[in-house]
Amino acid sequence: MAFSNQAVETSMLPRLESVELRPISRRFAPCRVIGRLTVLFPLLALAIVLPASQELPGMFHLTALAATATVVTGLLTLAWLEARRRAYGVREQDVIYHSGLLFHRTTVLPFIRLQHVETASNPLERAFGLVRLTCFTAGGSSGDLVIQGLERETAERLREYLLQRIASSTDAARSSA
């Protein structure tokens, strides 16, 4: 058999933009904001306590508090908007995940590379009825694709589907060997 490696006409390739992505749960945005707030709360507390403990002019205290509140509000707004832009899609041969507000990231994971799938949730996610689906490929110790903000039922159905795809590709590989 002769080796062949012909060029592919890029205009004939399927367009990723034509895939209809499904938004993740609407409950992910408030969950994300509360999660960020728990991280930002010490900063806000510091802005309240530190100037009061020092003998600084009241105007400085108010300015520091207003600046901190503005930064925290901005970060929480960005977290909300970014969470609302997340979406995923499942095609015949792969799974797609899109995230990011300022910096967009689209990950496409072919089923043939998939080795393991797991679901997990922390206490805050459980309070909102949300689950993370993590997809692992060969050679990696961390997840190659993590879809956050899925409702429990959706995550379980997607996990089962992906596990079936792994099993069928494993069976096909064994039968061809």
Protein backbone atom coordinates (compact mmCIF):
# COMPACT_ATOMS: atom_id res chain seq x y z
CA MET A 1 0.00 0.00 0.00
CA ALA A 2 1.45 3.37 -1.02
CA PHE A 3 1.55 6.22 1.45
CA SER A 4 -0.72 9.13 0.61
CA ASN A 5 -1.17 12.43 2.37
CA GLN A 6 -3.14 14.72 0.05
CA ALA A 7 -4.00 18.31 0.95
CA VAL A 8 -7.54 18.95 2.15
CA GLU A 9 -9.46 21.90 0.74
CA THR A 10 -10.31 23.93 3.83
CA SER A 11 -13.44 25.44 2.28
CA MET A 12 -14.93 21.91 2.14
CA LEU A 13 -14.43 21.22 5.86
CA PRO A 14 -17.53 21.23 8.10
CA ARG A 15 -18.02 24.46 9.99
CA LEU A 16 -18.01 24.21 13.78
CA GLU A 17 -20.26 27.26 13.94
CA SER A 18 -23.03 25.28 12.23
CA VAL A 19 -23.34 22.97 15.26
CA GLU A 20 -26.24 23.88 17.49
CA LEU A 21 -24.82 24.03 21.01
CA ARG A 22 -27.06 23.57 24.04
CA PRO A 23 -26.70 26.07 26.86
CA ILE A 24 -25.86 24.66 30.26
CA SER A 25 -28.33 25.09 33.12
CA ARG A 26 -29.50 28.60 33.92
CA ARG A 27 -28.83 27.76 37.58
CA PHE A 28 -25.08 27.73 36.90
CA ALA A 29 -24.83 31.55 36.76
CA PRO A 30 -26.07 32.19 40.33
CA CYS A 31 -24.05 29.19 41.53
CA ARG A 32 -20.93 30.65 39.92
CA VAL A 33 -21.56 34.10 41.42
CA ILE A 34 -22.03 32.69 44.93
CA GLY A 35 -18.85 30.63 44.50
CA ARG A 36 -16.91 33.72 43.44
CA LEU A 37 -18.46 35.77 46.24
CA THR A 38 -17.11 33.35 48.84
CA VAL A 39 -13.64 33.93 47.40
CA LEU A 40 -14.05 37.72 47.13
CA PHE A 41 -15.71 38.21 50.53
CA PRO A 42 -12.37 38.39 52.42
CA LEU A 43 -11.27 41.19 50.08
CA LEU A 44 -14.44 43.13 50.81
CA ALA A 45 -14.09 42.48 54.55
CA LEU A 46 -10.48 43.68 54.41
CA ALA A 47 -11.57 46.89 52.68
CA ILE A 48 -14.01 47.53 55.51
CA VAL A 49 -11.81 46.55 58.47
CA LEU A 50 -8.30 47.65 57.45
CA PRO A 51 -8.91 51.38 56.91
CA ALA A 52 -11.07 51.49 60.07
CA SER A 53 -8.29 49.91 62.14
CA GLN A 54 -5.76 52.45 60.86
CA GLU A 55 -6.07 56.08 61.68
CA LEU A 56 -6.80 57.13 58.13
CA PRO A 57 -9.08 59.93 56.98
CA GLY A 58 -12.72 58.96 56.53
CA MET A 59 -12.61 59.95 52.87
CA PHE A 60 -9.84 57.41 52.22
CA HIS A 61 -11.90 54.74 53.95
CA LEU A 62 -14.95 55.54 51.78
CA THR A 63 -12.85 55.64 48.61
CA ALA A 64 -11.22 52.27 49.36
CA LEU A 65 -14.59 50.75 50.16
CA ALA A 66 -16.20 52.14 46.98
CA ALA A 67 -13.28 50.97 44.81
CA THR A 68 -13.38 47.48 46.33
CA ALA A 69 -17.17 47.27 45.95
CA THR A 70 -16.86 48.33 42.31
CA VAL A 71 -14.18 45.71 41.58
CA VAL A 72 -16.14 42.97 43.36
CA THR A 73 -19.36 43.93 41.53
CA GLY A 74 -17.51 43.92 38.20
CA LEU A 75 -15.97 40.50 38.86
CA LEU A 76 -19.33 39.05 39.91
CA THR A 77 -21.00 40.48 36.79
CA LEU A 78 -18.30 38.96 34.57
CA ALA A 79 -18.74 35.60 36.34
CA TRP A 80 -22.51 35.73 35.70
CA LEU A 81 -22.14 36.67 32.04
CA GLU A 82 -19.42 34.09 31.40
CA ALA A 83 -21.48 31.35 33.02
CA ARG A 84 -24.45 32.22 30.81
CA ARG A 85 -22.35 31.83 27.63
CA ARG A 86 -21.28 28.24 28.28
CA ALA A 87 -22.70 25.61 25.97
CA TYR A 88 -22.06 22.06 24.83
CA GLY A 89 -22.95 19.83 21.91
CA VAL A 90 -22.79 16.17 21.05
CA ARG A 91 -22.25 15.02 17.47
CA GLU A 92 -21.87 11.56 15.97
CA GLN A 93 -18.12 11.45 16.57
CA ASP A 94 -17.34 14.00 19.28
CA VAL A 95 -18.44 16.24 22.11
CA ILE A 96 -17.97 20.02 22.02
CA TYR A 97 -17.76 22.50 24.91
CA HIS A 98 -17.69 26.28 24.52
CA SER A 99 -16.83 28.67 27.35
CA GLY A 100 -15.45 32.13 27.89
CA LEU A 101 -16.63 35.69 27.71
CA LEU A 102 -13.56 37.75 26.95
CA PHE A 103 -11.44 34.81 25.87
CA HIS A 104 -13.48 32.20 24.01
CA ARG A 105 -12.49 28.56 24.27
CA THR A 106 -14.00 25.74 22.26
CA THR A 107 -12.90 22.18 23.02
CA VAL A 108 -13.76 19.30 20.69
CA LEU A 109 -13.09 15.83 22.08
CA PRO A 110 -13.44 12.90 19.63
CA PHE A 111 -15.10 9.83 21.15
CA ILE A 112 -12.26 7.66 19.84
CA ARG A 113 -9.87 9.35 22.31
CA LEU A 114 -12.23 9.01 25.26
CA GLN A 115 -11.12 6.59 27.99
CA HIS A 116 -13.14 7.43 31.09
CA VAL A 117 -16.04 9.69 32.12
CA GLU A 118 -17.07 10.77 35.60
CA THR A 119 -19.54 13.11 37.26
CA ALA A 120 -18.86 15.12 40.41
CA SER A 121 -20.29 18.02 42.36
CA ASN A 122 -19.25 20.10 45.34
CA PRO A 123 -21.71 21.17 48.07
CA LEU A 124 -22.58 24.45 46.34
CA GLU A 125 -23.23 22.71 43.02
CA ARG A 126 -25.40 20.12 44.78
CA ALA A 127 -27.43 22.92 46.40
CA PHE A 128 -28.22 24.15 42.88
CA GLY A 129 -28.78 20.63 41.50
CA LEU A 130 -25.74 20.88 39.23
CA VAL A 131 -23.05 18.39 38.24
CA ARG A 132 -19.68 18.55 36.45
CA LEU A 133 -18.99 15.96 33.75
CA THR A 134 -15.30 15.21 33.31
CA CYS A 135 -13.97 13.36 30.25
CA PHE A 136 -10.53 11.74 30.39
CA THR A 137 -8.31 10.66 27.52
CA ALA A 138 -5.31 8.33 27.48
CA GLY A 139 -2.15 9.66 29.05
CA GLY A 140 -3.70 12.40 31.15
CA SER A 141 -4.18 12.45 34.89
CA SER A 142 -6.63 15.35 34.84
CA GLY A 143 -9.77 15.76 32.80
CA ASP A 144 -9.29 16.85 29.21
CA LEU A 145 -12.83 18.18 29.02
CA VAL A 146 -14.88 19.39 31.98
CA ILE A 147 -18.45 20.48 31.32
CA GLN A 148 -19.64 22.48 34.33
CA GLY A 149 -23.20 23.48 35.10
CA LEU A 150 -25.13 20.46 33.87
CA GLU A 151 -28.34 19.46 35.57
CA ARG A 152 -27.99 16.08 37.29
CA GLU A 153 -30.30 14.19 34.92
CA THR A 154 -28.62 15.64 31.82
CA ALA A 155 -25.14 14.85 33.17
CA GLU A 156 -26.11 11.26 33.95
CA ARG A 157 -27.67 10.72 30.50
CA LEU A 158 -24.63 12.22 28.80
CA ARG A 159 -22.28 10.14 30.97
CA GLU A 160 -24.14 6.93 30.10
CA TYR A 161 -24.10 7.81 26.39
CA LEU A 162 -20.37 8.49 26.46
CA LEU A 163 -19.67 5.29 28.38
CA GLN A 164 -21.65 3.35 25.74
CA ARG A 165 -19.57 5.00 23.03
CA ILE A 166 -16.36 4.01 24.85
CA ALA A 167 -17.58 0.42 25.20
CA SER A 168 -18.62 0.16 21.55
CA SER A 169 -15.31 1.57 20.29
CA THR A 170 -13.43 -0.85 22.60
CA ASP A 171 -15.48 -3.77 21.27
CA ALA A 172 -14.84 -2.68 17.66
CA ALA A 173 -11.09 -2.42 18.34
CA ARG A 174 -11.04 -5.93 19.87
CA SER A 175 -12.96 -7.49 17.00
CA SER A 176 -10.67 -5.94 14.36
CA ALA A 177 -7.52 -7.15 16.16
